[in-house]
Protein backbone atom coordinates (compact mmCIF):
# COMPACT_ATOMS: atom_id res chain seq x y z
CA MET A 1 114.14 87.20 115.44
CA GLY A 2 111.99 89.89 113.86
CA ARG A 3 111.14 93.22 115.36
CA TYR A 4 107.41 92.93 114.68
CA TYR A 5 104.54 90.61 115.46
CA ILE A 6 101.64 91.25 113.12
CA CYS A 7 98.05 90.22 113.78
CA ASN A 8 94.79 90.85 112.01
CA GLY A 9 92.53 92.34 114.66
CA LYS A 10 92.26 93.82 118.15
CA VAL A 11 91.01 90.59 119.72
CA SER A 12 94.01 88.73 118.33
CA SER A 13 96.40 91.39 119.56
CA GLN A 14 94.90 91.30 123.06
CA LYS A 15 95.19 87.51 123.21
CA ILE A 16 98.78 87.61 121.98
CA SER A 17 99.69 90.36 124.46
CA ASN A 18 98.13 88.50 127.37
CA LYS A 19 99.61 85.11 126.54
CA PHE A 20 103.05 86.06 125.24
CA SER A 21 103.92 89.38 126.87
CA PRO A 22 107.44 88.22 127.93
CA LEU A 23 108.22 87.33 124.31
CA LEU A 24 107.08 90.75 123.10
CA LYS A 25 109.78 92.57 125.02
CA ASN A 26 111.57 94.96 122.62
CA LYS A 27 109.12 94.02 119.86
CA GLN A 28 106.23 95.90 118.34
CA LEU A 29 102.83 94.23 118.09
CA VAL A 30 101.07 95.62 115.03
CA CYS A 31 97.33 95.22 114.58
CA LEU A 32 96.24 95.46 110.95
CA GLY A 33 92.56 95.97 111.78
CA ILE A 34 91.30 93.52 109.17
CA PRO A 35 87.84 92.09 109.89
CA ASP A 36 87.54 88.31 109.98
CA ASN A 37 85.22 88.25 106.94
CA TYR A 38 87.49 86.53 104.43
CA LYS A 39 88.18 82.97 103.45
CA PHE A 40 91.68 81.50 103.58
CA MET A 41 93.81 82.94 100.75
CA GLN A 42 90.88 84.95 99.35
CA PRO A 43 92.34 87.31 96.71
CA GLU A 44 90.80 90.42 98.33
CA LEU A 45 92.36 89.46 101.67
CA ILE A 46 95.76 88.96 100.07
CA GLN A 47 95.55 92.43 98.48
CA ILE A 48 94.65 94.00 101.83
CA LEU A 49 97.44 92.16 103.63
CA GLU A 50 100.03 93.12 101.03
CA SER A 51 99.07 96.79 101.10
CA LYS A 52 99.00 97.03 104.92
CA VAL A 53 102.12 94.97 105.59
CA LYS A 54 104.11 96.74 102.87
CA GLY A 55 104.11 99.88 105.01
CA ILE A 56 105.55 97.94 107.97
CA VAL A 57 108.08 95.50 106.55
CA ALA A 58 109.84 95.01 103.23
CA ILE A 59 108.03 92.41 101.14
């Protein structure tokens, strides 16, 4: 299993923490802080995701 759980915003991170806290033991929940203003696979969103995630995990 990975060491990180990555989500897009604070609301998502709060929901994940509340619902799955036992599964997050010894894991880091990382919030990327990306607003939910993009369509699925929108090129601008992909660029943002790649740049933010690159600093966290090897892609």
